[in-house]
N, C-alpha and C. Protein backbone atom coordinates (compact mmCIF):
# COMPACT_ATOMS: atom_id res chain seq x y z
N UNK A 1 -47.14 -11.56 5.03
CA UNK A 1 -46.64 -12.43 3.99
C UNK A 1 -45.79 -11.64 3.00
N UNK A 2 -46.25 -10.49 2.59
CA UNK A 2 -45.51 -9.65 1.66
C UNK A 2 -44.17 -9.25 2.26
N UNK A 3 -44.21 -8.92 3.54
CA UNK A 3 -42.97 -8.50 4.21
C UNK A 3 -41.94 -9.64 4.22
N UNK A 4 -42.40 -10.87 4.48
CA UNK A 4 -41.51 -12.03 4.47
C UNK A 4 -40.91 -12.24 3.09
N UNK A 5 -41.73 -12.06 2.06
CA UNK A 5 -41.28 -12.25 0.69
C UNK A 5 -40.19 -11.23 0.34
N UNK A 6 -40.38 -10.00 0.76
CA UNK A 6 -39.40 -8.94 0.49
C UNK A 6 -38.09 -9.23 1.22
N UNK A 7 -38.16 -9.64 2.50
CA UNK A 7 -36.96 -9.97 3.27
C UNK A 7 -36.21 -11.13 2.65
N UNK A 8 -36.92 -12.14 2.20
CA UNK A 8 -36.28 -13.29 1.58
C UNK A 8 -35.58 -12.88 0.28
N UNK A 9 -36.22 -11.99 -0.48
CA UNK A 9 -35.59 -11.52 -1.71
C UNK A 9 -34.32 -10.75 -1.40
N UNK A 10 -34.38 -9.89 -0.38
CA UNK A 10 -33.20 -9.13 0.01
C UNK A 10 -32.07 -10.05 0.49
N UNK A 11 -32.41 -11.05 1.27
CA UNK A 11 -31.41 -12.00 1.76
C UNK A 11 -30.78 -12.76 0.60
N UNK A 12 -31.61 -13.23 -0.30
CA UNK A 12 -31.11 -13.96 -1.47
C UNK A 12 -30.22 -13.06 -2.33
N UNK A 13 -30.65 -11.84 -2.53
CA UNK A 13 -29.90 -10.89 -3.34
C UNK A 13 -28.52 -10.62 -2.70
N UNK A 14 -28.49 -10.37 -1.40
CA UNK A 14 -27.23 -10.10 -0.70
C UNK A 14 -26.32 -11.33 -0.72
N UNK A 15 -26.90 -12.50 -0.57
CA UNK A 15 -26.11 -13.73 -0.61
C UNK A 15 -25.46 -13.92 -1.97
N UNK A 16 -26.21 -13.69 -3.03
CA UNK A 16 -25.66 -13.83 -4.38
C UNK A 16 -24.56 -12.82 -4.64
N UNK A 17 -24.74 -11.61 -4.14
CA UNK A 17 -23.71 -10.57 -4.31
C UNK A 17 -22.43 -10.98 -3.58
N UNK A 18 -22.56 -11.50 -2.36
CA UNK A 18 -21.39 -11.94 -1.60
C UNK A 18 -20.67 -13.09 -2.31
N UNK A 19 -21.42 -14.03 -2.82
CA UNK A 19 -20.81 -15.15 -3.55
C UNK A 19 -20.07 -14.63 -4.78
N UNK A 20 -20.71 -13.74 -5.50
CA UNK A 20 -20.09 -13.17 -6.70
C UNK A 20 -18.79 -12.43 -6.35
N UNK A 21 -18.83 -11.57 -5.33
CA UNK A 21 -17.66 -10.79 -4.95
C UNK A 21 -16.54 -11.68 -4.41
N UNK A 22 -16.88 -12.71 -3.68
CA UNK A 22 -15.84 -13.58 -3.10
C UNK A 22 -15.11 -14.38 -4.17
N UNK A 23 -15.71 -14.54 -5.33
CA UNK A 23 -15.03 -15.29 -6.39
C UNK A 23 -13.88 -14.49 -6.99
N UNK A 24 -13.79 -13.19 -6.68
CA UNK A 24 -12.72 -12.36 -7.21
C UNK A 24 -11.63 -12.06 -6.19
N UNK A 25 -11.76 -12.55 -4.98
CA UNK A 25 -10.73 -12.31 -3.98
C UNK A 25 -9.66 -13.39 -4.09
N UNK A 26 -8.40 -13.06 -3.81
CA UNK A 26 -7.35 -14.06 -3.92
C UNK A 26 -7.52 -15.16 -2.88
N UNK A 27 -7.08 -16.35 -3.24
CA UNK A 27 -7.19 -17.49 -2.32
C UNK A 27 -6.16 -17.33 -1.21
N UNK A 28 -6.50 -17.84 -0.04
CA UNK A 28 -5.57 -17.80 1.07
C UNK A 28 -4.46 -18.82 0.85
N UNK A 29 -3.30 -18.57 1.47
CA UNK A 29 -2.16 -19.46 1.34
C UNK A 29 -2.51 -20.85 1.83
N UNK A 30 -1.99 -21.84 1.14
CA UNK A 30 -2.22 -23.24 1.52
C UNK A 30 -0.92 -23.81 2.04
N UNK A 31 -0.82 -23.96 3.35
CA UNK A 31 0.38 -24.54 3.94
C UNK A 31 0.44 -26.03 3.59
N UNK A 32 1.63 -26.62 3.71
CA UNK A 32 1.87 -27.98 3.27
C UNK A 32 2.45 -28.81 4.40
N UNK A 33 2.09 -30.10 4.44
CA UNK A 33 2.65 -31.03 5.42
C UNK A 33 3.44 -32.10 4.70
N UNK A 34 4.63 -32.38 5.21
CA UNK A 34 5.49 -33.45 4.70
C UNK A 34 5.75 -34.40 5.86
N UNK A 35 5.53 -35.68 5.62
CA UNK A 35 5.76 -36.68 6.67
C UNK A 35 7.18 -37.24 6.59
N UNK A 36 7.76 -37.49 7.74
CA UNK A 36 9.07 -38.16 7.83
C UNK A 36 8.77 -39.64 8.08
N UNK A 37 9.15 -40.49 7.12
CA UNK A 37 8.73 -41.88 7.14
C UNK A 37 9.90 -42.87 7.11
N UNK A 38 9.70 -44.01 7.76
CA UNK A 38 10.66 -45.10 7.67
C UNK A 38 10.49 -45.85 6.34
N UNK A 39 9.25 -45.87 5.84
CA UNK A 39 8.97 -46.61 4.62
C UNK A 39 7.78 -46.00 3.89
N UNK A 40 7.89 -45.96 2.56
CA UNK A 40 6.79 -45.53 1.71
C UNK A 40 6.88 -46.35 0.42
N UNK A 41 5.96 -47.25 0.23
CA UNK A 41 6.04 -48.15 -0.91
C UNK A 41 7.28 -49.01 -0.80
N UNK A 42 8.12 -48.99 -1.83
CA UNK A 42 9.36 -49.77 -1.82
C UNK A 42 10.55 -48.98 -1.27
N UNK A 43 10.33 -47.70 -0.99
CA UNK A 43 11.42 -46.85 -0.50
C UNK A 43 11.49 -46.87 1.02
N UNK A 44 12.71 -46.74 1.54
CA UNK A 44 12.88 -46.63 2.99
C UNK A 44 13.55 -45.30 3.31
N UNK A 45 13.29 -44.80 4.51
CA UNK A 45 13.83 -43.54 5.00
C UNK A 45 13.60 -42.44 3.98
N UNK A 46 12.36 -41.95 3.93
CA UNK A 46 11.95 -40.96 2.93
C UNK A 46 11.07 -39.88 3.54
N UNK A 47 11.02 -38.76 2.84
CA UNK A 47 10.01 -37.73 3.11
C UNK A 47 8.84 -38.05 2.19
N UNK A 48 7.62 -37.84 2.66
CA UNK A 48 6.43 -38.20 1.87
C UNK A 48 6.37 -37.44 0.56
N UNK A 49 6.88 -36.22 0.53
CA UNK A 49 6.98 -35.43 -0.70
C UNK A 49 8.42 -34.97 -0.83
N UNK A 50 9.05 -35.33 -1.91
CA UNK A 50 10.46 -34.96 -2.10
C UNK A 50 10.60 -33.52 -2.59
N UNK A 51 9.58 -33.05 -3.31
CA UNK A 51 9.58 -31.67 -3.80
C UNK A 51 8.26 -31.02 -3.42
N UNK A 52 8.35 -29.88 -2.77
CA UNK A 52 7.17 -29.13 -2.35
C UNK A 52 7.27 -27.74 -2.94
N UNK A 53 6.17 -27.23 -3.45
CA UNK A 53 6.13 -25.86 -4.00
C UNK A 53 5.19 -25.03 -3.14
N UNK A 54 5.69 -23.90 -2.65
CA UNK A 54 4.88 -23.01 -1.83
C UNK A 54 5.09 -21.57 -2.28
N UNK A 55 4.23 -20.70 -1.83
CA UNK A 55 4.36 -19.27 -2.08
C UNK A 55 5.10 -18.63 -0.91
N UNK A 56 5.67 -17.46 -1.15
CA UNK A 56 6.31 -16.71 -0.08
C UNK A 56 5.28 -16.47 1.02
N UNK A 57 5.68 -16.68 2.26
CA UNK A 57 4.79 -16.48 3.40
C UNK A 57 4.08 -17.75 3.85
N UNK A 58 4.19 -18.82 3.09
CA UNK A 58 3.55 -20.08 3.48
C UNK A 58 4.50 -20.89 4.36
N UNK A 59 3.91 -21.84 5.06
CA UNK A 59 4.64 -22.67 6.01
C UNK A 59 4.61 -24.12 5.56
N UNK A 60 5.74 -24.79 5.74
CA UNK A 60 5.79 -26.24 5.55
C UNK A 60 5.90 -26.85 6.94
N UNK A 61 5.06 -27.85 7.19
CA UNK A 61 5.06 -28.60 8.44
C UNK A 61 5.65 -29.97 8.15
N UNK A 62 6.65 -30.36 8.92
CA UNK A 62 7.18 -31.71 8.81
C UNK A 62 6.68 -32.49 10.00
N UNK A 63 6.02 -33.59 9.72
CA UNK A 63 5.41 -34.42 10.76
C UNK A 63 6.29 -35.63 11.02
N UNK A 64 6.68 -35.82 12.27
CA UNK A 64 7.51 -36.96 12.66
C UNK A 64 6.62 -38.20 12.78
N UNK A 65 6.16 -38.68 11.64
CA UNK A 65 5.25 -39.82 11.61
C UNK A 65 5.93 -41.06 12.21
N UNK A 66 7.18 -41.28 11.84
CA UNK A 66 7.98 -42.37 12.40
C UNK A 66 9.15 -41.76 13.17
N UNK A 67 9.63 -42.47 14.19
CA UNK A 67 10.73 -41.95 15.01
C UNK A 67 12.07 -42.09 14.29
N UNK A 68 13.03 -41.28 14.73
CA UNK A 68 14.39 -41.37 14.23
C UNK A 68 14.74 -40.37 13.16
N UNK A 69 13.88 -39.35 12.94
CA UNK A 69 14.09 -38.41 11.85
C UNK A 69 14.10 -36.96 12.35
N UNK A 70 14.70 -36.12 11.52
CA UNK A 70 14.67 -34.67 11.73
C UNK A 70 14.74 -33.99 10.37
N UNK A 71 14.78 -32.67 10.37
CA UNK A 71 14.90 -31.87 9.15
C UNK A 71 16.04 -30.88 9.36
N UNK A 72 16.95 -30.83 8.38
CA UNK A 72 18.07 -29.88 8.45
C UNK A 72 18.29 -29.28 7.07
N UNK A 73 18.27 -27.93 7.01
CA UNK A 73 18.62 -27.27 5.76
C UNK A 73 20.10 -27.57 5.49
N UNK A 74 20.41 -27.91 4.25
CA UNK A 74 21.78 -28.25 3.87
C UNK A 74 22.58 -26.96 3.69
N UNK A 75 23.80 -26.94 4.22
CA UNK A 75 24.68 -25.78 4.09
C UNK A 75 24.86 -25.46 2.61
N UNK A 76 24.60 -24.20 2.24
CA UNK A 76 24.71 -23.78 0.84
C UNK A 76 23.48 -24.14 0.02
N UNK A 77 22.47 -24.71 0.66
CA UNK A 77 21.28 -25.18 -0.05
C UNK A 77 20.04 -24.33 0.17
N UNK A 78 20.24 -23.06 0.51
CA UNK A 78 19.11 -22.15 0.70
C UNK A 78 19.44 -20.81 0.05
N UNK A 79 18.43 -19.98 -0.17
CA UNK A 79 18.72 -18.63 -0.67
C UNK A 79 19.62 -17.88 0.33
N UNK A 80 20.39 -16.96 -0.18
CA UNK A 80 21.31 -16.18 0.65
C UNK A 80 20.55 -15.48 1.78
N UNK A 81 21.13 -15.54 2.99
CA UNK A 81 20.56 -14.84 4.13
C UNK A 81 19.57 -15.65 4.95
N UNK A 82 19.28 -16.87 4.54
CA UNK A 82 18.37 -17.72 5.31
C UNK A 82 19.16 -18.32 6.47
N UNK A 83 18.63 -18.22 7.70
CA UNK A 83 19.37 -18.77 8.85
C UNK A 83 19.41 -20.30 8.83
N UNK A 84 20.37 -20.85 9.58
CA UNK A 84 20.44 -22.31 9.73
C UNK A 84 19.12 -22.81 10.31
N UNK A 85 18.76 -24.01 9.91
CA UNK A 85 17.54 -24.62 10.44
C UNK A 85 17.78 -26.10 10.63
N UNK A 86 17.63 -26.57 11.85
CA UNK A 86 17.77 -28.00 12.16
C UNK A 86 16.81 -28.33 13.29
N UNK A 87 15.89 -29.23 13.00
CA UNK A 87 14.89 -29.59 14.01
C UNK A 87 15.45 -30.64 14.97
N UNK A 88 14.75 -30.84 16.04
CA UNK A 88 15.10 -31.89 17.00
C UNK A 88 14.64 -33.23 16.45
N UNK A 89 15.30 -34.28 16.88
CA UNK A 89 14.92 -35.63 16.47
C UNK A 89 13.54 -35.98 17.02
N UNK A 90 12.77 -36.70 16.22
CA UNK A 90 11.46 -37.24 16.63
C UNK A 90 10.43 -36.18 16.95
N UNK A 91 10.61 -34.96 16.47
CA UNK A 91 9.68 -33.87 16.78
C UNK A 91 9.11 -33.28 15.50
N UNK A 92 7.82 -32.99 15.52
CA UNK A 92 7.22 -32.23 14.42
C UNK A 92 7.88 -30.86 14.40
N UNK A 93 7.99 -30.30 13.21
CA UNK A 93 8.61 -28.98 13.10
C UNK A 93 7.96 -28.22 11.96
N UNK A 94 8.28 -26.96 11.85
CA UNK A 94 7.71 -26.13 10.79
C UNK A 94 8.67 -25.00 10.47
N UNK A 95 8.51 -24.46 9.26
CA UNK A 95 9.31 -23.31 8.83
C UNK A 95 8.45 -22.47 7.92
N UNK A 96 8.41 -21.18 8.21
CA UNK A 96 7.68 -20.23 7.36
C UNK A 96 8.67 -19.66 6.34
N UNK A 97 8.38 -19.81 5.07
CA UNK A 97 9.29 -19.43 4.00
C UNK A 97 9.03 -17.98 3.58
N UNK A 98 9.97 -17.11 3.93
CA UNK A 98 9.84 -15.68 3.65
C UNK A 98 10.66 -15.23 2.45
N UNK A 99 11.65 -16.04 2.03
CA UNK A 99 12.51 -15.68 0.90
C UNK A 99 12.27 -16.65 -0.24
N UNK A 100 12.08 -16.13 -1.45
CA UNK A 100 11.91 -17.02 -2.61
C UNK A 100 13.22 -17.74 -2.95
N UNK A 101 13.08 -18.90 -3.56
CA UNK A 101 14.24 -19.68 -3.97
C UNK A 101 14.04 -21.15 -3.66
N UNK A 102 15.10 -21.92 -3.87
CA UNK A 102 15.06 -23.36 -3.60
C UNK A 102 15.74 -23.62 -2.27
N UNK A 103 15.14 -24.47 -1.46
CA UNK A 103 15.67 -24.88 -0.17
C UNK A 103 15.90 -26.39 -0.22
N UNK A 104 17.14 -26.81 0.01
CA UNK A 104 17.48 -28.23 0.03
C UNK A 104 17.60 -28.65 1.50
N UNK A 105 17.04 -29.81 1.82
CA UNK A 105 17.12 -30.29 3.19
C UNK A 105 17.26 -31.81 3.21
N UNK A 106 17.67 -32.31 4.36
CA UNK A 106 17.75 -33.75 4.55
C UNK A 106 17.47 -34.11 5.99
N UNK A 107 17.30 -35.40 6.20
CA UNK A 107 17.22 -35.95 7.55
C UNK A 107 18.67 -36.27 7.91
N UNK A 108 19.18 -35.64 8.94
CA UNK A 108 20.60 -35.74 9.27
C UNK A 108 21.09 -37.19 9.37
N UNK A 109 20.42 -38.07 10.15
CA UNK A 109 20.96 -39.44 10.25
C UNK A 109 20.73 -40.30 9.00
N UNK A 110 19.85 -39.90 8.10
CA UNK A 110 19.52 -40.74 6.95
C UNK A 110 19.87 -40.11 5.60
N UNK A 111 20.69 -39.08 5.60
CA UNK A 111 21.06 -38.44 4.33
C UNK A 111 21.80 -39.41 3.41
N UNK A 112 22.61 -40.30 3.97
CA UNK A 112 23.33 -41.30 3.16
C UNK A 112 22.36 -42.26 2.48
N UNK A 113 21.17 -42.43 3.08
CA UNK A 113 20.17 -43.35 2.53
C UNK A 113 19.24 -42.67 1.53
N UNK A 114 19.47 -41.38 1.28
CA UNK A 114 18.67 -40.67 0.28
C UNK A 114 17.47 -39.93 0.84
N UNK A 115 17.46 -39.68 2.14
CA UNK A 115 16.32 -38.96 2.73
C UNK A 115 16.56 -37.46 2.59
N UNK A 116 16.23 -36.95 1.38
CA UNK A 116 16.41 -35.54 1.06
C UNK A 116 15.11 -34.98 0.51
N UNK A 117 15.01 -33.66 0.49
CA UNK A 117 13.84 -33.01 -0.08
C UNK A 117 14.17 -31.59 -0.48
N UNK A 118 13.27 -31.01 -1.26
CA UNK A 118 13.44 -29.64 -1.74
C UNK A 118 12.13 -28.89 -1.58
N UNK A 119 12.24 -27.62 -1.20
CA UNK A 119 11.09 -26.71 -1.17
C UNK A 119 11.41 -25.61 -2.17
N UNK A 120 10.50 -25.38 -3.10
CA UNK A 120 10.65 -24.29 -4.06
C UNK A 120 9.66 -23.20 -3.66
N UNK A 121 10.18 -22.03 -3.36
CA UNK A 121 9.36 -20.94 -2.86
C UNK A 121 9.20 -19.88 -3.94
N UNK A 122 7.94 -19.58 -4.25
CA UNK A 122 7.64 -18.53 -5.22
C UNK A 122 8.06 -18.87 -6.64
N UNK A 123 8.23 -20.13 -6.92
CA UNK A 123 8.67 -20.61 -8.24
C UNK A 123 9.97 -19.94 -8.69
N UNK A 124 10.79 -19.54 -7.71
CA UNK A 124 12.07 -18.89 -7.97
C UNK A 124 13.17 -19.96 -7.94
N UNK A 125 13.86 -20.11 -9.04
CA UNK A 125 14.93 -21.12 -9.13
C UNK A 125 16.29 -20.46 -9.35
N UNK A 126 16.44 -19.23 -8.89
CA UNK A 126 17.66 -18.46 -9.14
C UNK A 126 18.88 -19.06 -8.44
N UNK A 127 18.70 -19.88 -7.41
CA UNK A 127 19.84 -20.50 -6.73
C UNK A 127 20.01 -21.97 -7.11
N UNK A 128 19.48 -22.38 -8.26
CA UNK A 128 19.57 -23.77 -8.70
C UNK A 128 21.02 -24.23 -8.86
N UNK A 129 21.88 -23.39 -9.41
CA UNK A 129 23.28 -23.79 -9.59
C UNK A 129 23.96 -24.05 -8.25
N UNK A 130 23.64 -23.25 -7.24
CA UNK A 130 24.19 -23.47 -5.90
C UNK A 130 23.69 -24.80 -5.34
N UNK A 131 22.44 -25.11 -5.58
CA UNK A 131 21.85 -26.37 -5.12
C UNK A 131 22.57 -27.54 -5.81
N UNK A 132 22.82 -27.41 -7.10
CA UNK A 132 23.48 -28.48 -7.85
C UNK A 132 24.93 -28.70 -7.40
N UNK A 133 25.54 -27.70 -6.78
CA UNK A 133 26.93 -27.84 -6.34
C UNK A 133 27.06 -28.43 -4.93
N UNK A 134 25.95 -28.73 -4.28
CA UNK A 134 25.99 -29.34 -2.95
C UNK A 134 26.62 -30.73 -3.05
N UNK A 135 27.43 -31.08 -2.08
CA UNK A 135 28.06 -32.40 -2.02
C UNK A 135 27.11 -33.38 -1.33
N UNK A 136 26.17 -33.92 -2.12
CA UNK A 136 25.28 -34.93 -1.59
C UNK A 136 26.07 -36.21 -1.35
N UNK A 137 25.64 -37.02 -0.41
CA UNK A 137 26.38 -38.23 -0.03
C UNK A 137 25.52 -39.48 -0.21
N UNK A 138 26.18 -40.62 -0.42
CA UNK A 138 25.49 -41.91 -0.52
C UNK A 138 24.41 -41.90 -1.60
N UNK A 139 23.26 -42.48 -1.25
CA UNK A 139 22.13 -42.56 -2.19
C UNK A 139 21.55 -41.18 -2.52
N UNK A 140 21.85 -40.20 -1.69
CA UNK A 140 21.35 -38.84 -1.95
C UNK A 140 21.90 -38.28 -3.25
N UNK A 141 23.13 -38.68 -3.64
CA UNK A 141 23.74 -38.20 -4.88
C UNK A 141 22.85 -38.53 -6.08
N UNK A 142 22.51 -39.80 -6.20
CA UNK A 142 21.72 -40.26 -7.35
C UNK A 142 20.32 -39.64 -7.31
N UNK A 143 19.70 -39.64 -6.15
CA UNK A 143 18.35 -39.09 -6.02
C UNK A 143 18.33 -37.60 -6.35
N UNK A 144 19.33 -36.85 -5.87
CA UNK A 144 19.38 -35.41 -6.15
C UNK A 144 19.46 -35.18 -7.65
N UNK A 145 20.27 -35.95 -8.36
CA UNK A 145 20.38 -35.79 -9.81
C UNK A 145 19.03 -36.04 -10.50
N UNK A 146 18.29 -37.03 -10.01
CA UNK A 146 16.96 -37.32 -10.56
C UNK A 146 15.99 -36.17 -10.28
N UNK A 147 16.07 -35.62 -9.08
CA UNK A 147 15.13 -34.57 -8.69
C UNK A 147 15.43 -33.22 -9.33
N UNK A 148 16.69 -32.96 -9.68
CA UNK A 148 17.03 -31.66 -10.28
C UNK A 148 16.18 -31.38 -11.52
N UNK A 149 15.89 -32.39 -12.30
CA UNK A 149 15.11 -32.17 -13.52
C UNK A 149 13.66 -31.82 -13.22
N UNK A 150 13.21 -32.05 -11.98
CA UNK A 150 11.84 -31.76 -11.59
C UNK A 150 11.71 -30.42 -10.85
N UNK A 151 12.86 -29.82 -10.55
CA UNK A 151 12.81 -28.56 -9.78
C UNK A 151 12.32 -27.40 -10.64
């Protein structure tokens, strides 16, 4: 009985130490999912989140919830040195963000309808002026102006 009591105390002690020490370790990266949708509330042809904030090294997953959509980084809408990115239609896709800055993207066939989004990586907004100079088209123009204040 004494031996069991001692073992239980040791186990409890070690467990408490582990809990205490784990509270000081940094949290793991939280990847994000954005859905490509035909409709959300009163809006049509939208991304479920228009602005996503991630840390360097995190991944954004775009889920082709509804058919007819893709994701394309807008020319001039990424930090310098980021390669072109354009997903296939109707396919889930992902991108791991290795460079800080703002990334502007749209659904190629629905950009005129305002299907745009932004990813802010590392809370770095150093390329905001370049993003603001993008020639958005159709409803994307008005929406981009609204979203700039939230970037």
